Amino acid sequence: MEERKYIEELTAQIDELKKLVMILNDRQMSFKEARKDLFHGKSNEFIDYYITDRFPEIRTDVDPVSGWLNPRLGSGHPRYVTSVVRAKLWLDANRAKIDWQAPEPKTIKKNAA
């Protein structure tokens, strides 16, 4: 029993250490790179419709502290992920809330017409 408790404590410490290493290695990522690495290659429209619009807390203009995606401001304003670590943690925690198999918004509009 004593050994099991020790292993659980050690595992918790390792998890905390992993988080610290992630934070120390945090970086920004271009939106183009994020689409490939974080959003499974989904289109800009898919990401906006199924993620950004439904979970505005991820945007830096809505929540500057825990937001991790700068808002779309139009041509000439690059879009990027401000914190890859926060993005990965949020996506892991909320993966089940996002329907990754949903049709592209363009398809929905096309079928509605």
PDB file of N, CA and C in Angstrom:
ATOM      1  N   MET A   1       0.834  -1.196   0.000  1.00  0.00           N
ATOM      2  CA  MET A   1       0.000   0.000   0.000  1.00  0.00           C
ATOM      3  C   MET A   1       0.872   1.250   0.000  1.00  0.00           C
ATOM      4  N   GLU A   2       1.914   1.254   0.804  1.00  0.00           N
ATOM      5  CA  GLU A   2       2.847   2.382   0.895  1.00  0.00           C
ATOM      6  C   GLU A   2       3.510   2.628  -0.467  1.00  0.00           C
ATOM      7  N   GLU A   3       3.866   1.542  -1.132  1.00  0.00           N
ATOM      8  CA  GLU A   3       4.532   1.647  -2.425  1.00  0.00           C
ATOM      9  C   GLU A   3       3.597   2.255  -3.479  1.00  0.00           C
ATOM     10  N   ARG A   4       2.336   1.889  -3.448  1.00  0.00           N
ATOM     11  CA  ARG A   4       1.349   2.426  -4.394  1.00  0.00           C
ATOM     12  C   ARG A   4       1.186   3.935  -4.208  1.00  0.00           C
ATOM     13  N   LYS A   5       1.134   4.375  -2.968  1.00  0.00           N
ATOM     14  CA  LYS A   5       1.004   5.806  -2.686  1.00  0.00           C
ATOM     15  C   LYS A   5       2.231   6.560  -3.213  1.00  0.00           C
ATOM     16  N   TYR A   6       3.401   5.989  -3.008  1.00  0.00           N
ATOM     17  CA  TYR A   6       4.643   6.598  -3.481  1.00  0.00           C
ATOM     18  C   TYR A   6       4.633   6.717  -5.009  1.00  0.00           C
ATOM     19  N   ILE A   7       4.174   5.691  -5.693  1.00  0.00           N
ATOM     20  CA  ILE A   7       4.110   5.697  -7.158  1.00  0.00           C
ATOM     21  C   ILE A   7       3.124   6.756  -7.641  1.00  0.00           C
ATOM     22  N   GLU A   8       1.980   6.879  -6.980  1.00  0.00           N
ATOM     23  CA  GLU A   8       0.990   7.887  -7.353  1.00  0.00           C
ATOM     24  C   GLU A   8       1.553   9.297  -7.176  1.00  0.00           C
ATOM     25  N   GLU A   9       2.262   9.536  -6.071  1.00  0.00           N
ATOM     26  CA  GLU A   9       2.875  10.847  -5.833  1.00  0.00           C
ATOM     27  C   GLU A   9       3.943  11.143  -6.883  1.00  0.00           C
ATOM     28  N   LEU A  10       4.726  10.151  -7.210  1.00  0.00           N
ATOM     29  CA  LEU A  10       5.775  10.311  -8.209  1.00  0.00           C
ATOM     30  C   LEU A  10       5.163  10.604  -9.584  1.00  0.00           C
ATOM     31  N   THR A  11       4.096   9.924  -9.912  1.00  0.00           N
ATOM     32  CA  THR A  11       3.406  10.157 -11.180  1.00  0.00           C
ATOM     33  C   THR A  11       2.864  11.585 -11.241  1.00  0.00           C
ATOM     34  N   ALA A  12       2.292  12.061 -10.154  1.00  0.00           N
ATOM     35  CA  ALA A  12       1.773  13.433 -10.101  1.00  0.00           C
ATOM     36  C   ALA A  12       2.909  14.445 -10.273  1.00  0.00           C
ATOM     37  N   GLN A  13       4.039  14.191  -9.666  1.00  0.00           N
ATOM     38  CA  GLN A  13       5.185  15.082  -9.803  1.00  0.00           C
ATOM     39  C   GLN A  13       5.709  15.085 -11.236  1.00  0.00           C
ATOM     40  N   ILE A  14       5.724  13.942 -11.875  1.00  0.00           N
ATOM     41  CA  ILE A  14       6.166  13.853 -13.271  1.00  0.00           C
ATOM     42  C   ILE A  14       5.220  14.631 -14.169  1.00  0.00           C
ATOM     43  N   ASP A  15       3.914  14.528 -13.920  1.00  0.00           N
ATOM     44  CA  ASP A  15       2.935  15.278 -14.705  1.00  0.00           C
ATOM     45  C   ASP A  15       3.153  16.786 -14.565  1.00  0.00           C
ATOM     46  N   GLU A  16       3.419  17.235 -13.348  1.00  0.00           N
ATOM     47  CA  GLU A  16       3.694  18.659 -13.114  1.00  0.00           C
ATOM     48  C   GLU A  16       4.971  19.089 -13.829  1.00  0.00           C
ATOM     49  N   LEU A  17       5.965  18.246 -13.803  1.00  0.00           N
ATOM     50  CA  LEU A  17       7.224  18.543 -14.480  1.00  0.00           C
ATOM     51  C   LEU A  17       7.010  18.649 -15.991  1.00  0.00           C
ATOM     52  N   LYS A  18       6.185  17.769 -16.542  1.00  0.00           N
ATOM     53  CA  LYS A  18       5.871  17.823 -17.968  1.00  0.00           C
ATOM     54  C   LYS A  18       5.207  19.154 -18.316  1.00  0.00           C
ATOM     55  N   LYS A  19       4.275  19.611 -17.465  1.00  0.00           N
ATOM     56  CA  LYS A  19       3.602  20.885 -17.706  1.00  0.00           C
ATOM     57  C   LYS A  19       4.601  22.041 -17.680  1.00  0.00           C
ATOM     58  N   LEU A  20       5.522  22.011 -16.725  1.00  0.00           N
ATOM     59  CA  LEU A  20       6.536  23.064 -16.639  1.00  0.00           C
ATOM     60  C   LEU A  20       7.417  23.088 -17.884  1.00  0.00           C
ATOM     61  N   VAL A  21       7.813  21.925 -18.362  1.00  0.00           N
ATOM     62  CA  VAL A  21       8.633  21.843 -19.569  1.00  0.00           C
ATOM     63  C   VAL A  21       7.852  22.390 -20.760  1.00  0.00           C
ATOM     64  N   MET A  22       6.570  22.054 -20.850  1.00  0.00           N
ATOM     65  CA  MET A  22       5.741  22.576 -21.931  1.00  0.00           C
ATOM     66  C   MET A  22       5.674  24.100 -21.879  1.00  0.00           C
ATOM     67  N   ILE A  23       5.478  24.646 -20.689  1.00  0.00           N
ATOM     68  CA  ILE A  23       5.388  26.101 -20.536  1.00  0.00           C
ATOM     69  C   ILE A  23       6.697  26.766 -20.930  1.00  0.00           C
ATOM     70  N   LEU A  24       7.807  26.186 -20.536  1.00  0.00           N
ATOM     71  CA  LEU A  24       9.109  26.750 -20.880  1.00  0.00           C
ATOM     72  C   LEU A  24       9.379  26.688 -22.384  1.00  0.00           C
ATOM     73  N   ASN A  25       8.794  25.721 -23.052  1.00  0.00           N
ATOM     74  CA  ASN A  25       8.986  25.559 -24.491  1.00  0.00           C
ATOM     75  C   ASN A  25       7.843  26.164 -25.313  1.00  0.00           C
ATOM     76  N   ASP A  26       6.968  26.932 -24.671  1.00  0.00           N
ATOM     77  CA  ASP A  26       5.817  27.503 -25.365  1.00  0.00           C
ATOM     78  C   ASP A  26       6.276  28.464 -26.466  1.00  0.00           C
ATOM     79  N   ARG A  27       5.453  28.566 -27.494  1.00  0.00           N
ATOM     80  CA  ARG A  27       5.777  29.439 -28.614  1.00  0.00           C
ATOM     81  C   ARG A  27       4.501  29.837 -29.341  1.00  0.00           C
ATOM     82  N   GLN A  28       4.642  30.780 -30.257  1.00  0.00           N
ATOM     83  CA  GLN A  28       3.541  31.135 -31.135  1.00  0.00           C
ATOM     84  C   GLN A  28       3.602  30.254 -32.374  1.00  0.00           C
ATOM     85  N   MET A  29       2.487  30.184 -33.081  1.00  0.00           N
ATOM     86  CA  MET A  29       2.423  29.366 -34.287  1.00  0.00           C
ATOM     87  C   MET A  29       1.548  30.087 -35.304  1.00  0.00           C
ATOM     88  N   SER A  30       1.970  30.096 -36.557  1.00  0.00           N
ATOM     89  CA  SER A  30       1.146  30.709 -37.599  1.00  0.00           C
ATOM     90  C   SER A  30      -0.166  29.922 -37.723  1.00  0.00           C
ATOM     91  N   PHE A  31      -1.193  30.608 -38.193  1.00  0.00           N
ATOM     92  CA  PHE A  31      -2.486  29.955 -38.335  1.00  0.00           C
ATOM     93  C   PHE A  31      -2.410  28.840 -39.377  1.00  0.00           C
ATOM     94  N   LYS A  32      -1.638  29.057 -40.411  1.00  0.00           N
ATOM     95  CA  LYS A  32      -1.470  28.033 -41.445  1.00  0.00           C
ATOM     96  C   LYS A  32      -0.868  26.764 -40.840  1.00  0.00           C
ATOM     97  N   GLU A  33       0.154  26.926 -40.025  1.00  0.00           N
ATOM     98  CA  GLU A  33       0.789  25.794 -39.362  1.00  0.00           C
ATOM     99  C   GLU A  33      -0.172  25.148 -38.357  1.00  0.00           C
ATOM    100  N   ALA A  34      -0.928  25.986 -37.643  1.00  0.00           N
ATOM    101  CA  ALA A  34      -1.883  25.479 -36.650  1.00  0.00           C
ATOM    102  C   ALA A  34      -2.987  24.664 -37.311  1.00  0.00           C
ATOM    103  N   ARG A  35      -3.444  25.110 -38.488  1.00  0.00           N
ATOM    104  CA  ARG A  35      -4.476  24.344 -39.198  1.00  0.00           C
ATOM    105  C   ARG A  35      -4.011  22.915 -39.416  1.00  0.00           C
ATOM    106  N   LYS A  36      -2.760  22.763 -39.791  1.00  0.00           N
ATOM    107  CA  LYS A  36      -2.215  21.432 -40.059  1.00  0.00           C
ATOM    108  C   LYS A  36      -1.956  20.653 -38.771  1.00  0.00           C
ATOM    109  N   ASP A  37      -1.275  21.283 -37.813  1.00  0.00           N
ATOM    110  CA  ASP A  37      -0.814  20.575 -36.619  1.00  0.00           C
ATOM    111  C   ASP A  37      -1.856  20.443 -35.508  1.00  0.00           C
ATOM    112  N   LEU A  38      -2.734  21.429 -35.365  1.00  0.00           N
ATOM    113  CA  LEU A  38      -3.688  21.414 -34.254  1.00  0.00           C
ATOM    114  C   LEU A  38      -5.119  21.101 -34.680  1.00  0.00           C
ATOM    115  N   PHE A  39      -5.486  21.539 -35.888  1.00  0.00           N
ATOM    116  CA  PHE A  39      -6.877  21.441 -36.324  1.00  0.00           C
ATOM    117  C   PHE A  39      -7.106  20.389 -37.403  1.00  0.00           C
ATOM    118  N   HIS A  40      -6.235  19.407 -37.500  1.00  0.00           N
ATOM    119  CA  HIS A  40      -6.415  18.251 -38.398  1.00  0.00           C
ATOM    120  C   HIS A  40      -6.615  18.640 -39.860  1.00  0.00           C
ATOM    121  N   GLY A  41      -6.001  19.747 -40.278  1.00  0.00           N
ATOM    122  CA  GLY A  41      -6.090  20.159 -41.674  1.00  0.00           C
ATOM    123  C   GLY A  41      -7.429  20.743 -42.086  1.00  0.00           C
ATOM    124  N   LYS A  42      -8.268  21.070 -41.131  1.00  0.00           N
ATOM    125  CA  LYS A  42      -9.587  21.628 -41.437  1.00  0.00           C
ATOM    126  C   LYS A  42      -9.450  23.024 -42.034  1.00  0.00           C
ATOM    127  N   SER A  43     -10.470  23.461 -42.763  1.00  0.00           N
ATOM    128  CA  SER A  43     -10.458  24.765 -43.426  1.00  0.00           C
ATOM    129  C   SER A  43     -10.635  25.897 -42.416  1.00  0.00           C
ATOM    130  N   ASN A  44     -10.306  27.119 -42.873  1.00  0.00           N
ATOM    131  CA  ASN A  44     -10.530  28.306 -42.038  1.00  0.00           C
ATOM    132  C   ASN A  44     -11.992  28.408 -41.632  1.00  0.00           C
ATOM    133  N   GLU A  45     -12.881  28.145 -42.581  1.00  0.00           N
ATOM    134  CA  GLU A  45     -14.317  28.242 -42.321  1.00  0.00           C
ATOM    135  C   GLU A  45     -14.767  27.225 -41.265  1.00  0.00           C
ATOM    136  N   PHE A  46     -14.252  26.010 -41.358  1.00  0.00           N
ATOM    137  CA  PHE A  46     -14.584  24.976 -40.376  1.00  0.00           C
ATOM    138  C   PHE A  46     -14.144  25.424 -38.986  1.00  0.00           C
ATOM    139  N   ILE A  47     -12.909  25.896 -38.872  1.00  0.00           N
ATOM    140  CA  ILE A  47     -12.360  26.313 -37.576  1.00  0.00           C
ATOM    141  C   ILE A  47     -13.178  27.461 -37.000  1.00  0.00           C
ATOM    142  N   ASP A  48     -13.518  28.432 -37.844  1.00  0.00           N
ATOM    143  CA  ASP A  48     -14.324  29.560 -37.355  1.00  0.00           C
ATOM    144  C   ASP A  48     -15.716  29.112 -36.934  1.00  0.00           C
ATOM    145  N   TYR A  49     -16.369  28.301 -37.775  1.00  0.00           N
ATOM    146  CA  TYR A  49     -17.753  27.905 -37.527  1.00  0.00           C
ATOM    147  C   TYR A  49     -17.893  26.964 -36.331  1.00  0.00           C
ATOM    148  N   TYR A  50     -17.062  25.926 -36.279  1.00  0.00           N
ATOM    149  CA  TYR A  50     -17.233  24.891 -35.254  1.00  0.00           C
ATOM    150  C   TYR A  50     -16.410  25.128 -33.986  1.00  0.00           C
ATOM    151  N   ILE A  51     -15.413  25.989 -34.051  1.00  0.00           N
ATOM    152  CA  ILE A  51     -14.562  26.171 -32.873  1.00  0.00           C
ATOM    153  C   ILE A  51     -14.595  27.617 -32.379  1.00  0.00           C
ATOM    154  N   THR A  52     -14.102  28.542 -33.189  1.00  0.00           N
ATOM    155  CA  THR A  52     -13.984  29.934 -32.736  1.00  0.00           C
ATOM    156  C   THR A  52     -15.334  30.551 -32.383  1.00  0.00           C
ATOM    157  N   ASP A  53     -16.349  30.356 -33.224  1.00  0.00           N
ATOM    158  CA  ASP A  53     -17.664  30.943 -32.951  1.00  0.00           C
ATOM    159  C   ASP A  53     -18.366  30.284 -31.764  1.00  0.00           C
ATOM    160  N   ARG A  54     -18.147  29.005 -31.576  1.00  0.00           N
ATOM    161  CA  ARG A  54     -18.823  28.279 -30.490  1.00  0.00           C
ATOM    162  C   ARG A  54     -18.081  28.349 -29.163  1.00  0.00           C
ATOM    163  N   PHE A  55     -16.802  28.645 -29.217  1.00  0.00           N
ATOM    164  CA  PHE A  55     -15.981  28.733 -28.005  1.00  0.00           C
ATOM    165  C   PHE A  55     -15.183  30.032 -28.036  1.00  0.00           C
ATOM    166  N   PRO A  56     -15.852  31.178 -27.879  1.00  0.00           N
ATOM    167  CA  PRO A  56     -15.153  32.459 -28.005  1.00  0.00           C
ATOM    168  C   PRO A  56     -14.076  32.681 -26.944  1.00  0.00           C
ATOM    169  N   GLU A  57     -14.093  31.905 -25.886  1.00  0.00           N
ATOM    170  CA  GLU A  57     -13.081  32.065 -24.832  1.00  0.00           C
ATOM    171  C   GLU A  57     -11.669  31.766 -25.317  1.00  0.00           C
ATOM    172  N   ILE A  58     -11.535  31.122 -26.472  1.00  0.00           N
ATOM    173  CA  ILE A  58     -10.194  30.833 -26.992  1.00  0.00           C
ATOM    174  C   ILE A  58      -9.568  32.048 -27.656  1.00  0.00           C
ATOM    175  N   ARG A  59     -10.387  33.068 -27.960  1.00  0.00           N
ATOM    176  CA  ARG A  59      -9.873  34.254 -28.645  1.00  0.00           C
ATOM    177  C   ARG A  59      -9.205  35.215 -27.660  1.00  0.00           C
ATOM    178  N   THR A  60      -8.093  35.781 -28.070  1.00  0.00           N
ATOM    179  CA  THR A  60      -7.341  36.691 -27.206  1.00  0.00           C
ATOM    180  C   THR A  60      -8.069  38.007 -26.972  1.00  0.00           C
ATOM    181  N   ASP A  61      -8.970  38.411 -27.867  1.00  0.00           N
ATOM    182  CA  ASP A  61      -9.718  39.654 -27.643  1.00  0.00           C
ATOM    183  C   ASP A  61     -10.856  39.458 -26.648  1.00  0.00           C
ATOM    184  N   VAL A  62     -11.317  38.245 -26.465  1.00  0.00           N
ATOM    185  CA  VAL A  62     -12.380  37.945 -25.498  1.00  0.00           C
ATOM    186  C   VAL A  62     -11.775  37.646 -24.125  1.00  0.00           C
ATOM    187  N   ASP A  63     -10.732  36.837 -24.088  1.00  0.00           N
ATOM    188  CA  ASP A  63     -10.066  36.468 -22.838  1.00  0.00           C
ATOM    189  C   ASP A  63      -8.551  36.577 -23.019  1.00  0.00           C
ATOM    190  N   PRO A  64      -7.993  37.759 -22.720  1.00  0.00           N
ATOM    191  CA  PRO A  64      -6.553  37.960 -22.941  1.00  0.00           C
ATOM    192  C   PRO A  64      -5.655  37.054 -22.096  1.00  0.00           C
ATOM    193  N   VAL A  65      -6.152  36.548 -20.987  1.00  0.00           N
ATOM    194  CA  VAL A  65      -5.331  35.719 -20.101  1.00  0.00           C
ATOM    195  C   VAL A  65      -5.254  34.281 -20.585  1.00  0.00           C
ATOM    196  N   SER A  66      -6.395  33.660 -20.853  1.00  0.00           N
ATOM    197  CA  SER A  66      -6.361  32.245 -21.246  1.00  0.00           C
ATOM    198  C   SER A  66      -6.681  32.019 -22.716  1.00  0.00           C
ATOM    199  N   GLY A  67      -7.019  33.066 -23.461  1.00  0.00           N
ATOM    200  CA  GLY A  67      -7.244  32.928 -24.895  1.00  0.00           C
ATOM    201  C   GLY A  67      -5.935  32.608 -25.601  1.00  0.00           C
ATOM    202  N   TRP A  68      -6.017  31.907 -26.708  1.00  0.00           N
ATOM    203  CA  TRP A  68      -4.793  31.504 -27.389  1.00  0.00           C
ATOM    204  C   TRP A  68      -4.833  31.686 -28.908  1.00  0.00           C
ATOM    205  N   LEU A  69      -5.919  32.236 -29.439  1.00  0.00           N
ATOM    206  CA  LEU A  69      -6.033  32.468 -30.877  1.00  0.00           C
ATOM    207  C   LEU A  69      -6.416  33.918 -31.109  1.00  0.00           C
ATOM    208  N   ASN A  70      -5.575  34.660 -31.850  1.00  0.00           N
ATOM    209  CA  ASN A  70      -5.942  36.047 -32.093  1.00  0.00           C
ATOM    210  C   ASN A  70      -7.108  36.094 -33.077  1.00  0.00           C
ATOM    211  N   PRO A  71      -7.945  37.145 -33.000  1.00  0.00           N
ATOM    212  CA  PRO A  71      -9.147  37.186 -33.836  1.00  0.00           C
ATOM    213  C   PRO A  71      -8.819  37.483 -35.290  1.00  0.00           C
ATOM    214  N   ARG A  72      -9.742  37.129 -36.144  1.00  0.00           N
ATOM    215  CA  ARG A  72      -9.621  37.448 -37.572  1.00  0.00           C
ATOM    216  C   ARG A  72      -9.912  38.936 -37.725  1.00  0.00           C
ATOM    217  N   LEU A  73      -8.935  39.684 -38.245  1.00  0.00           N
ATOM    218  CA  LEU A  73      -9.082  41.129 -38.400  1.00  0.00           C
ATOM    219  C   LEU A  73      -9.142  41.552 -39.861  1.00  0.00           C
ATOM    220  N   GLY A  74      -8.965  40.632 -40.766  1.00  0.00           N
ATOM    221  CA  GLY A  74      -9.045  40.951 -42.178  1.00  0.00           C
ATOM    222  C   GLY A  74      -7.690  40.907 -42.854  1.00  0.00           C
ATOM    223  N   SER A  75      -7.692  41.287 -44.101  1.00  0.00           N
ATOM    224  CA  SER A  75      -6.496  41.245 -44.923  1.00  0.00           C
ATOM    225  C   SER A  75      -5.383  42.105 -44.334  1.00  0.00           C
ATOM    226  N   GLY A  76      -4.174  41.578 -44.352  1.00  0.00           N
ATOM    227  CA  GLY A  76      -3.029  42.330 -43.847  1.00  0.00           C
ATOM    228  C   GLY A  76      -2.757  42.141 -42.366  1.00  0.00           C
ATOM    229  N   HIS A  77      -3.633  41.423 -41.679  1.00  0.00           N
ATOM    230  CA  HIS A  77      -3.451  41.149 -40.258  1.00  0.00           C
ATOM    231  C   HIS A  77      -3.286  39.643 -40.083  1.00  0.00           C
ATOM    232  N   PRO A  78      -2.057  39.185 -39.897  1.00  0.00           N
ATOM    233  CA  PRO A  78      -1.852  37.732 -39.792  1.00  0.00           C
ATOM    234  C   PRO A  78      -2.560  37.147 -38.577  1.00  0.00           C
ATOM    235  N   ARG A  79      -3.075  35.976 -38.754  1.00  0.00           N
ATOM    236  CA  ARG A  79      -3.751  35.244 -37.682  1.00  0.00           C
ATOM    237  C   ARG A  79      -2.785  34.195 -37.173  1.00  0.00           C
ATOM    238  N   TYR A  80      -2.734  34.016 -35.850  1.00  0.00           N
ATOM    239  CA  TYR A  80      -1.796  33.057 -35.276  1.00  0.00           C
ATOM    240  C   TYR A  80      -2.282  32.569 -33.923  1.00  0.00           C
ATOM    241  N   VAL A  81      -1.703  31.474 -33.498  1.00  0.00           N
ATOM    242  CA  VAL A  81      -1.940  30.916 -32.166  1.00  0.00           C
ATOM    243  C   VAL A  81      -0.883  31.535 -31.262  1.00  0.00           C
ATOM    244  N   THR A  82      -1.329  32.230 -30.212  1.00  0.00           N
ATOM    245  CA  THR A  82      -0.395  32.941 -29.341  1.00  0.00           C
ATOM    246  C   THR A  82       0.317  32.022 -28.363  1.00  0.00           C
ATOM    247  N   SER A  83      -0.284  30.875 -28.044  1.00  0.00           N
ATOM    248  CA  SER A  83       0.320  29.927 -27.121  1.00  0.00           C
ATOM    249  C   SER A  83      -0.030  28.507 -27.550  1.00  0.00           C
ATOM    250  N   VAL A  84       0.943  27.824 -28.083  1.00  0.00           N
ATOM    251  CA  VAL A  84       0.724  26.446 -28.532  1.00  0.00           C
ATOM    252  C   VAL A  84       0.365  25.549 -27.343  1.00  0.00           C
ATOM    253  N   VAL A  85       0.983  25.794 -26.205  1.00  0.00           N
ATOM    254  CA  VAL A  85       0.698  24.978 -25.014  1.00  0.00           C
ATOM    255  C   VAL A  85      -0.766  25.132 -24.597  1.00  0.00           C
ATOM    256  N   ARG A  86      -1.239  26.376 -24.470  1.00  0.00           N
ATOM    257  CA  ARG A  86      -2.639  26.578 -24.075  1.00  0.00           C
ATOM    258  C   ARG A  86      -3.579  25.991 -25.118  1.00  0.00           C
ATOM    259  N   ALA A  87      -3.222  26.125 -26.393  1.00  0.00           N
ATOM    260  CA  ALA A  87      -4.058  25.566 -27.458  1.00  0.00           C
ATOM    261  C   ALA A  87      -4.159  24.049 -27.323  1.00  0.00           C
ATOM    262  N   LYS A  88      -3.027  23.388 -27.151  1.00  0.00           N
ATOM    263  CA  LYS A  88      -3.035  21.927 -27.036  1.00  0.00           C
ATOM    264  C   LYS A  88      -3.800  21.469 -25.796  1.00  0.00           C
ATOM    265  N   LEU A  89      -3.593  22.145 -24.676  1.00  0.00           N
ATOM    266  CA  LEU A  89      -4.307  21.778 -23.449  1.00  0.00           C
ATOM    267  C   LEU A  89      -5.812  21.966 -23.627  1.00  0.00           C
ATOM    268  N   TRP A  90      -6.208  23.098 -24.227  1.00  0.00           N
ATOM    269  CA  TRP A  90      -7.633  23.360 -24.428  1.00  0.00           C
ATOM    270  C   TRP A  90      -8.228  22.341 -25.397  1.00  0.00           C
ATOM    271  N   LEU A  91      -7.554  22.102 -26.505  1.00  0.00           N
ATOM    272  CA  LEU A  91      -8.070  21.139 -27.491  1.00  0.00           C
ATOM    273  C   LEU A  91      -8.174  19.738 -26.908  1.00  0.00           C
ATOM    274  N   ASP A  92      -7.206  19.331 -26.108  1.00  0.00           N
ATOM    275  CA  ASP A  92      -7.285  18.013 -25.470  1.00  0.00           C
ATOM    276  C   ASP A  92      -8.473  17.940 -24.519  1.00  0.00           C
ATOM    277  N   ALA A  93      -8.679  18.988 -23.747  1.00  0.00           N
ATOM    278  CA  ALA A  93      -9.774  19.000 -22.772  1.00  0.00           C
ATOM    279  C   ALA A  93     -11.145  19.087 -23.440  1.00  0.00           C
ATOM    280  N   ASN A  94     -11.218  19.681 -24.629  1.00  0.00           N
ATOM    281  CA  ASN A  94     -12.502  19.920 -25.284  1.00  0.00           C
ATOM    282  C   ASN A  94     -12.700  19.137 -26.575  1.00  0.00           C
ATOM    283  N   ARG A  95     -11.838  18.191 -26.840  1.00  0.00           N
ATOM    284  CA  ARG A  95     -11.894  17.430 -28.092  1.00  0.00           C
ATOM    285  C   ARG A  95     -13.272  16.786 -28.320  1.00  0.00           C
ATOM    286  N   ALA A  96     -13.892  16.281 -27.280  1.00  0.00           N
ATOM    287  CA  ALA A  96     -15.190  15.605 -27.415  1.00  0.00           C
ATOM    288  C   ALA A  96     -16.320  16.587 -27.737  1.00  0.00           C
ATOM    289  N   LYS A  97     -16.129  17.866 -27.460  1.00  0.00           N
ATOM    290  CA  LYS A  97     -17.161  18.868 -27.732  1.00  0.00           C
ATOM    291  C   LYS A  97     -17.159  19.330 -29.186  1.00  0.00           C
ATOM    292  N   ILE A  98     -16.128  18.979 -29.934  1.00  0.00           N
ATOM    293  CA  ILE A  98     -15.989  19.410 -31.328  1.00  0.00           C
ATOM    294  C   ILE A  98     -16.283  18.214 -32.229  1.00  0.00           C
ATOM    295  N   ASP A  99     -17.186  18.407 -33.169  1.00  0.00           N
ATOM    296  CA  ASP A  99     -17.521  17.352 -34.119  1.00  0.00           C
ATOM    297  C   ASP A  99     -16.562  17.441 -35.302  1.00  0.00           C
ATOM    298  N   TRP A 100     -15.462  16.715 -35.216  1.00  0.00           N
ATOM    299  CA  TRP A 100     -14.430  16.778 -36.245  1.00  0.00           C
ATOM    300  C   TRP A 100     -14.887  16.150 -37.559  1.00  0.00           C
ATOM    301  N   GLN A 101     -15.972  15.387 -37.528  1.00  0.00           N
ATOM    302  CA  GLN A 101     -16.500  14.750 -38.738  1.00  0.00           C
ATOM    303  C   GLN A 101     -17.623  15.567 -39.380  1.00  0.00           C
ATOM    304  N   ALA A 102     -17.950  16.712 -38.799  1.00  0.00           N
ATOM    305  CA  ALA A 102     -19.039  17.544 -39.316  1.00  0.00           C
ATOM    306  C   ALA A 102     -18.706  18.041 -40.721  1.00  0.00           C
ATOM    307  N   PRO A 103     -19.738  18.284 -41.517  1.00  0.00           N
ATOM    308  CA  PRO A 103     -19.485  18.780 -42.876  1.00  0.00           C
ATOM    309  C   PRO A 103     -18.930  20.199 -42.852  1.00  0.00           C
ATOM    310  N   GLU A 104     -18.221  20.545 -43.896  1.00  0.00           N
ATOM    311  CA  GLU A 104     -17.685  21.896 -44.032  1.00  0.00           C
ATOM    312  C   GLU A 104     -18.854  22.888 -44.116  1.00  0.00           C
ATOM    313  N   PRO A 105     -18.703  24.068 -43.541  1.00  0.00           N
ATOM    314  CA  PRO A 105     -19.763  25.075 -43.614  1.00  0.00           C
ATOM    315  C   PRO A 105     -20.189  25.405 -45.046  1.00  0.00           C
ATOM    316  N   LYS A 106     -19.253  25.361 -45.987  1.00  0.00           N
ATOM    317  CA  LYS A 106     -19.583  25.604 -47.392  1.00  0.00           C
ATOM    318  C   LYS A 106     -20.603  24.580 -47.872  1.00  0.00           C
ATOM    319  N   THR A 107     -20.447  23.324 -47.464  1.00  0.00           N
ATOM    320  CA  THR A 107     -21.362  22.252 -47.857  1.00  0.00           C
ATOM    321  C   THR A 107     -22.737  22.468 -47.257  1.00  0.00           C
ATOM    322  N   ILE A 108     -22.788  22.928 -46.024  1.00  0.00           N
ATOM    323  CA  ILE A 108     -24.071  23.185 -45.368  1.00  0.00           C
ATOM    324  C   ILE A 108     -24.830  24.285 -46.117  1.00  0.00           C
ATOM    325  N   LYS A 109     -24.141  25.372 -46.460  1.00  0.00           N
ATOM    326  CA  LYS A 109     -24.767  26.477 -47.190  1.00  0.00           C
ATOM    327  C   LYS A 109     -25.233  26.022 -48.567  1.00  0.00           C
ATOM    328  N   LYS A 110     -24.406  25.224 -49.222  1.00  0.00           N
ATOM    329  CA  LYS A 110     -24.722  24.734 -50.578  1.00  0.00           C
ATOM    330  C   LYS A 110     -25.981  23.860 -50.546  1.00  0.00           C
ATOM    331  N   ASN A 111     -26.083  22.977 -49.552  1.00  0.00           N
ATOM    332  CA  ASN A 111     -27.238  22.087 -49.453  1.00  0.00           C
ATOM    333  C   ASN A 111     -28.501  22.811 -49.004  1.00  0.00           C
ATOM    334  N   ALA A 112     -28.335  23.929 -48.302  1.00  0.00           N
ATOM    335  CA  ALA A 112     -29.501  24.691 -47.835  1.00  0.00           C
ATOM    336  C   ALA A 112     -30.132  25.486 -48.978  1.00  0.00           C
ATOM    337  N   ALA A 113     -29.337  25.792 -49.989  1.00  0.00           N
ATOM    338  CA  ALA A 113     -29.840  26.619 -51.114  1.00  0.00           C
ATOM    339  C   ALA A 113     -30.712  25.844 -52.066  1.00  0.00           C
TER     340      ALA A 113
END
